[in-house]
Amino acid sequence: MNRSTTDVFEDHLKLRVEGDLETDLQRNYSETVILLTENSNAQGYGAMRMSARRLAEQLPNGSFEFLSKQVNGPFALLIWRAESDLFNVIGGADSFLIENGKIRMQTIHYQLVSNKEG
């Protein structure tokens, strides 16, 4: 039995908050997932690991807040923001295509702003 879009989406968010990228990849992502961002047009688990590593570097000790979650059929949208020791994120938006219990495509967009006094 396939998990619903909501099941996959919520499990993905839970595992990322817990910092368990590898379980998230194995359980929730297609091996051929497409990742589209402002700077990336990549595919596969390696693309997702690179993206997670980049986010961790940009947001050391980051805390994330999920502002809105929407699901419609195979599509999901997450609106988020974050604070960290280095940067804050405003206007974070991730979109997903989830089919047959796996994330097949994800887009990620966010704006970094320094939280240091200039």
PDB file of N, CA and C in Angstrom:
ATOM      1  N   MET A   1       0.832  -1.190   0.000  1.00  0.00           N
ATOM      2  CA  MET A   1       0.000   0.000   0.000  1.00  0.00           C
ATOM      3  C   MET A   1       0.875   1.251   0.000  1.00  0.00           C
ATOM      4  N   ASN A   2       0.600   2.138  -0.932  1.00  0.00           N
ATOM      5  CA  ASN A   2       1.364   3.381  -1.021  1.00  0.00           C
ATOM      6  C   ASN A   2       0.935   4.376   0.039  1.00  0.00           C
ATOM      7  N   ARG A   3       1.909   5.096   0.541  1.00  0.00           N
ATOM      8  CA  ARG A   3       1.617   6.164   1.489  1.00  0.00           C
ATOM      9  C   ARG A   3       1.066   7.363   0.718  1.00  0.00           C
ATOM     10  N   SER A   4       0.221   8.132   1.370  1.00  0.00           N
ATOM     11  CA  SER A   4      -0.363   9.319   0.734  1.00  0.00           C
ATOM     12  C   SER A   4       0.673  10.428   0.631  1.00  0.00           C
ATOM     13  N   THR A   5       0.348  11.432  -0.162  1.00  0.00           N
ATOM     14  CA  THR A   5       1.194  12.619  -0.269  1.00  0.00           C
ATOM     15  C   THR A   5       1.425  13.216   1.113  1.00  0.00           C
ATOM     16  N   THR A   6       0.365  13.343   1.898  1.00  0.00           N
ATOM     17  CA  THR A   6       0.484  13.913   3.240  1.00  0.00           C
ATOM     18  C   THR A   6       1.379  13.055   4.120  1.00  0.00           C
ATOM     19  N   ASP A   7       1.241  11.736   4.054  1.00  0.00           N
ATOM     20  CA  ASP A   7       2.082  10.838   4.854  1.00  0.00           C
ATOM     21  C   ASP A   7       3.562  11.057   4.547  1.00  0.00           C
ATOM     22  N   VAL A   8       3.914  11.086   3.272  1.00  0.00           N
ATOM     23  CA  VAL A   8       5.310  11.252   2.859  1.00  0.00           C
ATOM     24  C   VAL A   8       5.825  12.634   3.260  1.00  0.00           C
ATOM     25  N   PHE A   9       5.021  13.653   2.993  1.00  0.00           N
ATOM     26  CA  PHE A   9       5.390  15.038   3.294  1.00  0.00           C
ATOM     27  C   PHE A   9       5.661  15.210   4.789  1.00  0.00           C
ATOM     28  N   GLU A  10       4.742  14.737   5.633  1.00  0.00           N
ATOM     29  CA  GLU A  10       4.903  14.892   7.079  1.00  0.00           C
ATOM     30  C   GLU A  10       6.083  14.076   7.603  1.00  0.00           C
ATOM     31  N   ASP A  11       6.303  12.876   7.068  1.00  0.00           N
ATOM     32  CA  ASP A  11       7.448  12.067   7.479  1.00  0.00           C
ATOM     33  C   ASP A  11       8.754  12.748   7.086  1.00  0.00           C
ATOM     34  N   HIS A  12       8.800  13.307   5.890  1.00  0.00           N
ATOM     35  CA  HIS A  12       9.980  14.052   5.428  1.00  0.00           C
ATOM     36  C   HIS A  12      10.301  15.190   6.397  1.00  0.00           C
ATOM     37  N   LEU A  13       9.308  15.988   6.747  1.00  0.00           N
ATOM     38  CA  LEU A  13       9.544  17.133   7.627  1.00  0.00           C
ATOM     39  C   LEU A  13      10.001  16.678   9.012  1.00  0.00           C
ATOM     40  N   LYS A  14       9.387  15.648   9.541  1.00  0.00           N
ATOM     41  CA  LYS A  14       9.757  15.116  10.858  1.00  0.00           C
ATOM     42  C   LYS A  14      11.211  14.653  10.868  1.00  0.00           C
ATOM     43  N   LEU A  15      11.607  13.882   9.855  1.00  0.00           N
ATOM     44  CA  LEU A  15      12.974  13.363   9.798  1.00  0.00           C
ATOM     45  C   LEU A  15      13.996  14.474   9.609  1.00  0.00           C
ATOM     46  N   ARG A  16      13.670  15.495   8.832  1.00  0.00           N
ATOM     47  CA  ARG A  16      14.610  16.606   8.652  1.00  0.00           C
ATOM     48  C   ARG A  16      14.785  17.397   9.936  1.00  0.00           C
ATOM     49  N   VAL A  17      13.691  17.630  10.649  1.00  0.00           N
ATOM     50  CA  VAL A  17      13.791  18.329  11.940  1.00  0.00           C
ATOM     51  C   VAL A  17      14.666  17.520  12.894  1.00  0.00           C
ATOM     52  N   GLU A  18      14.558  16.200  12.848  1.00  0.00           N
ATOM     53  CA  GLU A  18      15.368  15.325  13.698  1.00  0.00           C
ATOM     54  C   GLU A  18      16.813  15.206  13.207  1.00  0.00           C
ATOM     55  N   GLY A  19      17.094  15.706  12.000  1.00  0.00           N
ATOM     56  CA  GLY A  19      18.443  15.639  11.453  1.00  0.00           C
ATOM     57  C   GLY A  19      18.800  14.294  10.852  1.00  0.00           C
ATOM     58  N   ASP A  20      17.802  13.502  10.486  1.00  0.00           N
ATOM     59  CA  ASP A  20      18.037  12.153   9.955  1.00  0.00           C
ATOM     60  C   ASP A  20      17.875  12.140   8.434  1.00  0.00           C
ATOM     61  N   LEU A  21      18.835  12.736   7.752  1.00  0.00           N
ATOM     62  CA  LEU A  21      18.787  12.853   6.295  1.00  0.00           C
ATOM     63  C   LEU A  21      18.759  11.494   5.608  1.00  0.00           C
ATOM     64  N   GLU A  22      19.587  10.556   6.049  1.00  0.00           N
ATOM     65  CA  GLU A  22      19.693   9.281   5.340  1.00  0.00           C
ATOM     66  C   GLU A  22      18.402   8.466   5.415  1.00  0.00           C
ATOM     67  N   THR A  23      17.759   8.432   6.585  1.00  0.00           N
ATOM     68  CA  THR A  23      16.472   7.735   6.667  1.00  0.00           C
ATOM     69  C   THR A  23      15.447   8.434   5.791  1.00  0.00           C
ATOM     70  N   ASP A  24      15.463   9.765   5.799  1.00  0.00           N
ATOM     71  CA  ASP A  24      14.547  10.532   4.959  1.00  0.00           C
ATOM     72  C   ASP A  24      14.739  10.170   3.489  1.00  0.00           C
ATOM     73  N   LEU A  25      15.969  10.127   3.031  1.00  0.00           N
ATOM     74  CA  LEU A  25      16.239   9.793   1.624  1.00  0.00           C
ATOM     75  C   LEU A  25      15.711   8.400   1.298  1.00  0.00           C
ATOM     76  N   GLN A  26      16.066   7.421   2.113  1.00  0.00           N
ATOM     77  CA  GLN A  26      15.683   6.038   1.833  1.00  0.00           C
ATOM     78  C   GLN A  26      14.175   5.827   1.864  1.00  0.00           C
ATOM     79  N   ARG A  27      13.515   6.457   2.819  1.00  0.00           N
ATOM     80  CA  ARG A  27      12.091   6.207   3.019  1.00  0.00           C
ATOM     81  C   ARG A  27      11.201   7.089   2.147  1.00  0.00           C
ATOM     82  N   ASN A  28      11.627   8.322   1.883  1.00  0.00           N
ATOM     83  CA  ASN A  28      10.718   9.296   1.285  1.00  0.00           C
ATOM     84  C   ASN A  28      11.093   9.792  -0.104  1.00  0.00           C
ATOM     85  N   TYR A  29      12.276   9.526  -0.577  1.00  0.00           N
ATOM     86  CA  TYR A  29      12.718  10.062  -1.868  1.00  0.00           C
ATOM     87  C   TYR A  29      12.938   8.969  -2.906  1.00  0.00           C
ATOM     88  N   SER A  30      12.566   9.263  -4.127  1.00  0.00           N
ATOM     89  CA  SER A  30      12.942   8.429  -5.259  1.00  0.00           C
ATOM     90  C   SER A  30      14.446   8.547  -5.468  1.00  0.00           C
ATOM     91  N   GLU A  31      15.084   7.457  -5.863  1.00  0.00           N
ATOM     92  CA  GLU A  31      16.530   7.499  -6.141  1.00  0.00           C
ATOM     93  C   GLU A  31      16.850   8.455  -7.286  1.00  0.00           C
ATOM     94  N   THR A  32      15.864   8.748  -8.129  1.00  0.00           N
ATOM     95  CA  THR A  32      16.070   9.639  -9.273  1.00  0.00           C
ATOM     96  C   THR A  32      15.401  10.998  -9.065  1.00  0.00           C
ATOM     97  N   VAL A  33      15.205  11.391  -7.792  1.00  0.00           N
ATOM     98  CA  VAL A  33      14.561  12.669  -7.484  1.00  0.00           C
ATOM     99  C   VAL A  33      15.237  13.807  -8.250  1.00  0.00           C
ATOM    100  N   ILE A  34      14.430  14.723  -8.727  1.00  0.00           N
ATOM    101  CA  ILE A  34      14.927  15.931  -9.405  1.00  0.00           C
ATOM    102  C   ILE A  34      14.902  17.068  -8.386  1.00  0.00           C
ATOM    103  N   LEU A  35      16.007  17.811  -8.280  1.00  0.00           N
ATOM    104  CA  LEU A  35      16.101  18.966  -7.393  1.00  0.00           C
ATOM    105  C   LEU A  35      16.323  20.210  -8.241  1.00  0.00           C
ATOM    106  N   LEU A  36      15.412  21.161  -8.110  1.00  0.00           N
ATOM    107  CA  LEU A  36      15.526  22.435  -8.817  1.00  0.00           C
ATOM    108  C   LEU A  36      15.605  23.559  -7.789  1.00  0.00           C
ATOM    109  N   THR A  37      16.654  24.370  -7.908  1.00  0.00           N
ATOM    110  CA  THR A  37      16.819  25.552  -7.063  1.00  0.00           C
ATOM    111  C   THR A  37      17.351  26.665  -7.944  1.00  0.00           C
ATOM    112  N   GLU A  38      17.559  27.819  -7.346  1.00  0.00           N
ATOM    113  CA  GLU A  38      18.137  28.938  -8.096  1.00  0.00           C
ATOM    114  C   GLU A  38      19.495  28.568  -8.683  1.00  0.00           C
ATOM    115  N   ASN A  39      20.255  27.724  -7.954  1.00  0.00           N
ATOM    116  CA  ASN A  39      21.622  27.389  -8.366  1.00  0.00           C
ATOM    117  C   ASN A  39      21.809  25.936  -8.768  1.00  0.00           C
ATOM    118  N   SER A  40      20.747  25.138  -8.749  1.00  0.00           N
ATOM    119  CA  SER A  40      20.900  23.709  -9.001  1.00  0.00           C
ATOM    120  C   SER A  40      19.831  23.183  -9.944  1.00  0.00           C
ATOM    121  N   ASN A  41      20.252  22.299 -10.806  1.00  0.00           N
ATOM    122  CA  ASN A  41      19.359  21.479 -11.617  1.00  0.00           C
ATOM    123  C   ASN A  41      20.019  20.110 -11.593  1.00  0.00           C
ATOM    124  N   ALA A  42      19.674  19.337 -10.565  1.00  0.00           N
ATOM    125  CA  ALA A  42      20.420  18.108 -10.294  1.00  0.00           C
ATOM    126  C   ALA A  42      19.446  16.974 -10.017  1.00  0.00           C
ATOM    127  N   GLN A  43      20.014  15.766  -9.913  1.00  0.00           N
ATOM    128  CA  GLN A  43      19.173  14.585  -9.750  1.00  0.00           C
ATOM    129  C   GLN A  43      19.834  13.594  -8.800  1.00  0.00           C
ATOM    130  N   GLY A  44      19.004  12.891  -8.020  1.00  0.00           N
ATOM    131  CA  GLY A  44      19.464  11.788  -7.194  1.00  0.00           C
ATOM    132  C   GLY A  44      19.763  12.158  -5.754  1.00  0.00           C
ATOM    133  N   TYR A  45      20.086  11.121  -4.985  1.00  0.00           N
ATOM    134  CA  TYR A  45      20.383  11.310  -3.571  1.00  0.00           C
ATOM    135  C   TYR A  45      21.567  12.252  -3.351  1.00  0.00           C
ATOM    136  N   GLY A  46      22.552  12.202  -4.236  1.00  0.00           N
ATOM    137  CA  GLY A  46      23.716  13.087  -4.111  1.00  0.00           C
ATOM    138  C   GLY A  46      23.309  14.552  -4.166  1.00  0.00           C
ATOM    139  N   ALA A  47      22.357  14.879  -5.009  1.00  0.00           N
ATOM    140  CA  ALA A  47      21.868  16.259  -5.105  1.00  0.00           C
ATOM    141  C   ALA A  47      21.209  16.687  -3.797  1.00  0.00           C
ATOM    142  N   MET A  48      20.435  15.784  -3.198  1.00  0.00           N
ATOM    143  CA  MET A  48      19.757  16.108  -1.951  1.00  0.00           C
ATOM    144  C   MET A  48      20.759  16.237  -0.808  1.00  0.00           C
ATOM    145  N   ARG A  49      21.788  15.389  -0.790  1.00  0.00           N
ATOM    146  CA  ARG A  49      22.827  15.496   0.246  1.00  0.00           C
ATOM    147  C   ARG A  49      23.575  16.826   0.109  1.00  0.00           C
ATOM    148  N   MET A  50      23.911  17.211  -1.132  1.00  0.00           N
ATOM    149  CA  MET A  50      24.609  18.474  -1.379  1.00  0.00           C
ATOM    150  C   MET A  50      23.764  19.648  -0.894  1.00  0.00           C
ATOM    151  N   SER A  51      22.471  19.617  -1.191  1.00  0.00           N
ATOM    152  CA  SER A  51      21.580  20.691  -0.781  1.00  0.00           C
ATOM    153  C   SER A  51      21.476  20.777   0.740  1.00  0.00           C
ATOM    154  N   ALA A  52      21.349  19.644   1.406  1.00  0.00           N
ATOM    155  CA  ALA A  52      21.272  19.620   2.870  1.00  0.00           C
ATOM    156  C   ALA A  52      22.569  20.134   3.491  1.00  0.00           C
ATOM    157  N   ARG A  53      23.702  19.752   2.906  1.00  0.00           N
ATOM    158  CA  ARG A  53      25.001  20.211   3.400  1.00  0.00           C
ATOM    159  C   ARG A  53      25.128  21.729   3.239  1.00  0.00           C
ATOM    160  N   ARG A  54      24.704  22.257   2.102  1.00  0.00           N
ATOM    161  CA  ARG A  54      24.763  23.699   1.845  1.00  0.00           C
ATOM    162  C   ARG A  54      23.891  24.452   2.864  1.00  0.00           C
ATOM    163  N   LEU A  55      22.688  23.945   3.106  1.00  0.00           N
ATOM    164  CA  LEU A  55      21.791  24.596   4.057  1.00  0.00           C
ATOM    165  C   LEU A  55      22.391  24.583   5.462  1.00  0.00           C
ATOM    166  N   ALA A  56      22.981  23.464   5.868  1.00  0.00           N
ATOM    167  CA  ALA A  56      23.603  23.356   7.193  1.00  0.00           C
ATOM    168  C   ALA A  56      24.773  24.330   7.335  1.00  0.00           C
ATOM    169  N   GLU A  57      25.535  24.524   6.262  1.00  0.00           N
ATOM    170  CA  GLU A  57      26.651  25.470   6.296  1.00  0.00           C
ATOM    171  C   GLU A  57      26.148  26.903   6.384  1.00  0.00           C
ATOM    172  N   GLN A  58      25.062  27.212   5.692  1.00  0.00           N
ATOM    173  CA  GLN A  58      24.513  28.564   5.695  1.00  0.00           C
ATOM    174  C   GLN A  58      23.786  28.877   6.997  1.00  0.00           C
ATOM    175  N   LEU A  59      23.231  27.842   7.632  1.00  0.00           N
ATOM    176  CA  LEU A  59      22.415  28.037   8.839  1.00  0.00           C
ATOM    177  C   LEU A  59      22.933  27.186  10.000  1.00  0.00           C
ATOM    178  N   PRO A  60      24.166  27.478  10.473  1.00  0.00           N
ATOM    179  CA  PRO A  60      24.690  26.690  11.589  1.00  0.00           C
ATOM    180  C   PRO A  60      23.810  26.853  12.825  1.00  0.00           C
ATOM    181  N   ASN A  61      23.531  25.742  13.501  1.00  0.00           N
ATOM    182  CA  ASN A  61      22.645  25.738  14.675  1.00  0.00           C
ATOM    183  C   ASN A  61      21.285  26.345  14.347  1.00  0.00           C
ATOM    184  N   GLY A  62      20.793  26.087  13.147  1.00  0.00           N
ATOM    185  CA  GLY A  62      19.550  26.690  12.683  1.00  0.00           C
ATOM    186  C   GLY A  62      18.315  26.154  13.384  1.00  0.00           C
ATOM    187  N   SER A  63      17.350  27.035  13.566  1.00  0.00           N
ATOM    188  CA  SER A  63      16.033  26.626  14.035  1.00  0.00           C
ATOM    189  C   SER A  63      15.030  27.031  12.966  1.00  0.00           C
ATOM    190  N   PHE A  64      14.148  26.098  12.640  1.00  0.00           N
ATOM    191  CA  PHE A  64      13.232  26.268  11.520  1.00  0.00           C
ATOM    192  C   PHE A  64      11.803  26.392  12.020  1.00  0.00           C
ATOM    193  N   GLU A  65      11.038  27.212  11.320  1.00  0.00           N
ATOM    194  CA  GLU A  65       9.622  27.364  11.618  1.00  0.00           C
ATOM    195  C   GLU A  65       8.836  27.139  10.334  1.00  0.00           C
ATOM    196  N   PHE A  66       7.885  26.223  10.388  1.00  0.00           N
ATOM    197  CA  PHE A  66       7.030  25.946   9.237  1.00  0.00           C
ATOM    198  C   PHE A  66       5.803  26.839   9.340  1.00  0.00           C
ATOM    199  N   LEU A  67       5.677  27.767   8.400  1.00  0.00           N
ATOM    200  CA  LEU A  67       4.604  28.761   8.451  1.00  0.00           C
ATOM    201  C   LEU A  67       3.324  28.262   7.807  1.00  0.00           C
ATOM    202  N   SER A  68       3.453  27.463   6.753  1.00  0.00           N
ATOM    203  CA  SER A  68       2.275  26.960   6.052  1.00  0.00           C
ATOM    204  C   SER A  68       2.634  25.670   5.334  1.00  0.00           C
ATOM    205  N   LYS A  69       1.701  24.727   5.360  1.00  0.00           N
ATOM    206  CA  LYS A  69       1.847  23.471   4.626  1.00  0.00           C
ATOM    207  C   LYS A  69       0.567  23.264   3.827  1.00  0.00           C
ATOM    208  N   GLN A  70       0.711  22.985   2.536  1.00  0.00           N
ATOM    209  CA  GLN A  70      -0.435  22.748   1.669  1.00  0.00           C
ATOM    210  C   GLN A  70      -0.204  21.457   0.891  1.00  0.00           C
ATOM    211  N   VAL A  71      -1.253  20.662   0.748  1.00  0.00           N
ATOM    212  CA  VAL A  71      -1.190  19.440  -0.053  1.00  0.00           C
ATOM    213  C   VAL A  71      -2.415  19.416  -0.960  1.00  0.00           C
ATOM    214  N   ASN A  72      -2.176  19.082  -2.237  1.00  0.00           N
ATOM    215  CA  ASN A  72      -3.271  18.941  -3.198  1.00  0.00           C
ATOM    216  C   ASN A  72      -2.877  17.836  -4.167  1.00  0.00           C
ATOM    217  N   GLY A  73      -3.539  16.686  -4.057  1.00  0.00           N
ATOM    218  CA  GLY A  73      -3.185  15.556  -4.911  1.00  0.00           C
ATOM    219  C   GLY A  73      -1.738  15.162  -4.684  1.00  0.00           C
ATOM    220  N   PRO A  74      -0.929  15.081  -5.763  1.00  0.00           N
ATOM    221  CA  PRO A  74       0.461  14.677  -5.621  1.00  0.00           C
ATOM    222  C   PRO A  74       1.417  15.832  -5.287  1.00  0.00           C
ATOM    223  N   PHE A  75       0.857  17.019  -5.070  1.00  0.00           N
ATOM    224  CA  PHE A  75       1.675  18.214  -4.866  1.00  0.00           C
ATOM    225  C   PHE A  75       1.649  18.660  -3.411  1.00  0.00           C
ATOM    226  N   ALA A  76       2.791  19.169  -2.939  1.00  0.00           N
ATOM    227  CA  ALA A  76       2.869  19.723  -1.587  1.00  0.00           C
ATOM    228  C   ALA A  76       3.714  20.990  -1.630  1.00  0.00           C
ATOM    229  N   LEU A  77       3.389  21.906  -0.718  1.00  0.00           N
ATOM    230  CA  LEU A  77       4.099  23.178  -0.606  1.00  0.00           C
ATOM    231  C   LEU A  77       4.388  23.435   0.861  1.00  0.00           C
ATOM    232  N   LEU A  78       5.619  23.857   1.143  1.00  0.00           N
ATOM    233  CA  LEU A  78       6.030  24.249   2.484  1.00  0.00           C
ATOM    234  C   LEU A  78       6.538  25.683   2.427  1.00  0.00           C
ATOM    235  N   ILE A  79       5.991  26.550   3.265  1.00  0.00           N
ATOM    236  CA  ILE A  79       6.496  27.906   3.441  1.00  0.00           C
ATOM    237  C   ILE A  79       7.171  27.924   4.805  1.00  0.00           C
ATOM    238  N   TRP A  80       8.410  28.422   4.859  1.00  0.00           N
ATOM    239  CA  TRP A  80       9.187  28.326   6.088  1.00  0.00           C
ATOM    240  C   TRP A  80      10.111  29.516   6.270  1.00  0.00           C
ATOM    241  N   ARG A  81      10.622  29.637   7.489  1.00  0.00           N
ATOM    242  CA  ARG A  81      11.679  30.602   7.797  1.00  0.00           C
ATOM    243  C   ARG A  81      12.607  29.944   8.808  1.00  0.00           C
ATOM    244  N   ALA A  82      13.783  30.544   8.972  1.00  0.00           N
ATOM    245  CA  ALA A  82      14.769  29.964   9.887  1.00  0.00           C
ATOM    246  C   ALA A  82      15.648  31.053  10.478  1.00  0.00           C
ATOM    247  N   GLU A  83      16.215  30.742  11.632  1.00  0.00           N
ATOM    248  CA  GLU A  83      17.201  31.604  12.277  1.00  0.00           C
ATOM    249  C   GLU A  83      18.417  30.753  12.602  1.00  0.00           C
ATOM    250  N   SER A  84      19.606  31.375  12.499  1.00  0.00           N
ATOM    251  CA  SER A  84      20.834  30.656  12.826  1.00  0.00           C
ATOM    252  C   SER A  84      21.872  31.630  13.363  1.00  0.00           C
ATOM    253  N   ASP A  85      23.041  31.093  13.699  1.00  0.00           N
ATOM    254  CA  ASP A  85      24.131  31.911  14.205  1.00  0.00           C
ATOM    255  C   ASP A  85      24.705  32.840  13.144  1.00  0.00           C
ATOM    256  N   LEU A  86      24.507  32.521  11.886  1.00  0.00           N
ATOM    257  CA  LEU A  86      25.124  33.272  10.799  1.00  0.00           C
ATOM    258  C   LEU A  86      24.108  34.050   9.970  1.00  0.00           C
ATOM    259  N   PHE A  87      23.099  33.347   9.477  1.00  0.00           N
ATOM    260  CA  PHE A  87      22.072  33.951   8.630  1.00  0.00           C
ATOM    261  C   PHE A  87      20.691  33.593   9.147  1.00  0.00           C
ATOM    262  N   ASN A  88      19.728  34.377   8.704  1.00  0.00           N
ATOM    263  CA  ASN A  88      18.327  34.035   8.859  1.00  0.00           C
ATOM    264  C   ASN A  88      17.769  33.803   7.466  1.00  0.00           C
ATOM    265  N   VAL A  89      16.693  33.066   7.392  1.00  0.00           N
ATOM    266  CA  VAL A  89      15.996  32.846   6.122  1.00  0.00           C
ATOM    267  C   VAL A  89      14.632  33.496   6.212  1.00  0.00           C
ATOM    268  N   ILE A  90      14.328  34.258   5.172  1.00  0.00           N
ATOM    269  CA  ILE A  90      12.977  34.769   5.008  1.00  0.00           C
ATOM    270  C   ILE A  90      12.462  34.239   3.676  1.00  0.00           C
ATOM    271  N   GLY A  91      11.192  34.052   3.597  1.00  0.00           N
ATOM    272  CA  GLY A  91      10.593  33.642   2.325  1.00  0.00           C
ATOM    273  C   GLY A  91      11.022  32.279   1.836  1.00  0.00           C
ATOM    274  N   GLY A  92      11.222  31.319   2.724  1.00  0.00           N
ATOM    275  CA  GLY A  92      11.557  29.967   2.288  1.00  0.00           C
ATOM    276  C   GLY A  92      10.327  29.287   1.705  1.00  0.00           C
ATOM    277  N   ALA A  93      10.502  28.635   0.560  1.00  0.00           N
ATOM    278  CA  ALA A  93       9.397  27.917  -0.081  1.00  0.00           C
ATOM    279  C   ALA A  93       9.950  26.681  -0.770  1.00  0.00           C
ATOM    280  N   ASP A  94       9.432  25.522  -0.386  1.00  0.00           N
ATOM    281  CA  ASP A  94       9.781  24.256  -1.027  1.00  0.00           C
ATOM    282  C   ASP A  94       8.505  23.681  -1.618  1.00  0.00           C
ATOM    283  N   SER A  95       8.605  23.173  -2.835  1.00  0.00           N
ATOM    284  CA  SER A  95       7.464  22.481  -3.437  1.00  0.00           C
ATOM    285  C   SER A  95       7.888  21.068  -3.800  1.00  0.00           C
ATOM    286  N   PHE A  96       6.917  20.165  -3.832  1.00  0.00           N
ATOM    287  CA  PHE A  96       7.181  18.740  -3.999  1.00  0.00           C
ATOM    288  C   PHE A  96       6.186  18.118  -4.962  1.00  0.00           C
ATOM    289  N   LEU A  97       6.662  17.136  -5.723  1.00  0.00           N
ATOM    290  CA  LEU A  97       5.806  16.212  -6.459  1.00  0.00           C
ATOM    291  C   LEU A  97       6.026  14.850  -5.816  1.00  0.00           C
ATOM    292  N   ILE A  98       4.957  14.274  -5.264  1.00  0.00           N
ATOM    293  CA  ILE A  98       5.044  13.009  -4.543  1.00  0.00           C
ATOM    294  C   ILE A  98       4.133  12.008  -5.235  1.00  0.00           C
ATOM    295  N   GLU A  99       4.745  10.936  -5.769  1.00  0.00           N
ATOM    296  CA  GLU A  99       3.989   9.902  -6.469  1.00  0.00           C
ATOM    297  C   GLU A  99       4.436   8.527  -5.977  1.00  0.00           C
ATOM    298  N   ASN A 100       3.483   7.620  -5.835  1.00  0.00           N
ATOM    299  CA  ASN A 100       3.785   6.245  -5.428  1.00  0.00           C
ATOM    300  C   ASN A 100       4.616   6.194  -4.149  1.00  0.00           C
ATOM    301  N   GLY A 101       4.306   7.078  -3.207  1.00  0.00           N
ATOM    302  CA  GLY A 101       4.950   7.055  -1.906  1.00  0.00           C
ATOM    303  C   GLY A 101       6.355   7.615  -1.857  1.00  0.00           C
ATOM    304  N   LYS A 102       6.790   8.330  -2.912  1.00  0.00           N
ATOM    305  CA  LYS A 102       8.145   8.882  -2.952  1.00  0.00           C
ATOM    306  C   LYS A 102       8.125  10.308  -3.506  1.00  0.00           C
ATOM    307  N   ILE A 103       9.045  11.127  -2.995  1.00  0.00           N
ATOM    308  CA  ILE A 103       9.246  12.469  -3.549  1.00  0.00           C
ATOM    309  C   ILE A 103      10.000  12.310  -4.859  1.00  0.00           C
ATOM    310  N   ARG A 104       9.380  12.723  -5.950  1.00  0.00           N
ATOM    311  CA  ARG A 104       9.957  12.597  -7.291  1.00  0.00           C
ATOM    312  C   ARG A 104      10.657  13.877  -7.731  1.00  0.00           C
ATOM    313  N   MET A 105      10.175  15.019  -7.209  1.00  0.00           N
ATOM    314  CA  MET A 105      10.744  16.312  -7.579  1.00  0.00           C
ATOM    315  C   MET A 105      10.568  17.260  -6.412  1.00  0.00           C
ATOM    316  N   GLN A 106      11.584  18.092  -6.176  1.00  0.00           N
ATOM    317  CA  GLN A 106      11.506  19.108  -5.136  1.00  0.00           C
ATOM    318  C   GLN A 106      12.127  20.387  -5.658  1.00  0.00           C
ATOM    319  N   THR A 107      11.473  21.501  -5.378  1.00  0.00           N
ATOM    320  CA  THR A 107      12.075  22.804  -5.626  1.00  0.00           C
ATOM    321  C   THR A 107      12.332  23.440  -4.263  1.00  0.00           C
ATOM    322  N   ILE A 108      13.408  24.201  -4.179  1.00  0.00           N
ATOM    323  CA  ILE A 108      13.760  24.885  -2.934  1.00  0.00           C
ATOM    324  C   ILE A 108      14.137  26.316  -3.285  1.00  0.00           C
ATOM    325  N   HIS A 109      13.525  27.257  -2.568  1.00  0.00           N
ATOM    326  CA  HIS A 109      13.892  28.665  -2.744  1.00  0.00           C
ATOM    327  C   HIS A 109      13.834  29.357  -1.385  1.00  0.00           C
ATOM    328  N   TYR A 110      14.866  30.143  -1.093  1.00  0.00           N
ATOM    329  CA  TYR A 110      14.871  30.936   0.144  1.00  0.00           C
ATOM    330  C   TYR A 110      15.819  32.111  -0.010  1.00  0.00           C
ATOM    331  N   GLN A 111      15.613  33.120   0.834  1.00  0.00           N
ATOM    332  CA  GLN A 111      16.467  34.302   0.825  1.00  0.00           C
ATOM    333  C   GLN A 111      17.212  34.362   2.152  1.00  0.00           C
ATOM    334  N   LEU A 112      18.542  34.415   2.074  1.00  0.00           N
ATOM    335  CA  LEU A 112      19.381  34.551   3.264  1.00  0.00           C
ATOM    336  C   LEU A 112      19.570  36.023   3.586  1.00  0.00           C
ATOM    337  N   VAL A 113      19.473  36.348   4.872  1.00  0.00           N
ATOM    338  CA  VAL A 113      19.793  37.688   5.339  1.00  0.00           C
ATOM    339  C   VAL A 113      20.712  37.548   6.537  1.00  0.00           C
ATOM    340  N   SER A 114      21.737  38.388   6.583  1.00  0.00           N
ATOM    341  CA  SER A 114      22.676  38.320   7.684  1.00  0.00           C
ATOM    342  C   SER A 114      21.980  38.756   8.966  1.00  0.00           C
ATOM    343  N   ASN A 115      22.311  38.091  10.063  1.00  0.00           N
ATOM    344  CA  ASN A 115      21.755  38.528  11.341  1.00  0.00           C
ATOM    345  C   ASN A 115      22.808  39.256  12.167  1.00  0.00           C
ATOM    346  N   LYS A 116      23.909  39.626  11.532  1.00  0.00           N
ATOM    347  CA  LYS A 116      24.970  40.360  12.207  1.00  0.00           C
ATOM    348  C   LYS A 116      24.746  41.868  12.024  1.00  0.00           C
ATOM    349  N   GLU A 117      25.072  42.610  13.051  1.00  0.00           N
ATOM    350  CA  GLU A 117      24.989  44.065  12.941  1.00  0.00           C
ATOM    351  C   GLU A 117      26.095  44.530  11.995  1.00  0.00           C
ATOM    352  N   GLY A 118      25.724  45.379  11.029  1.00  0.00           N
ATOM    353  CA  GLY A 118      26.684  45.812  10.019  1.00  0.00           C
ATOM    354  C   GLY A 118      27.385  47.025  10.398  1.00  0.00           C
TER     355      GLY A 118
END
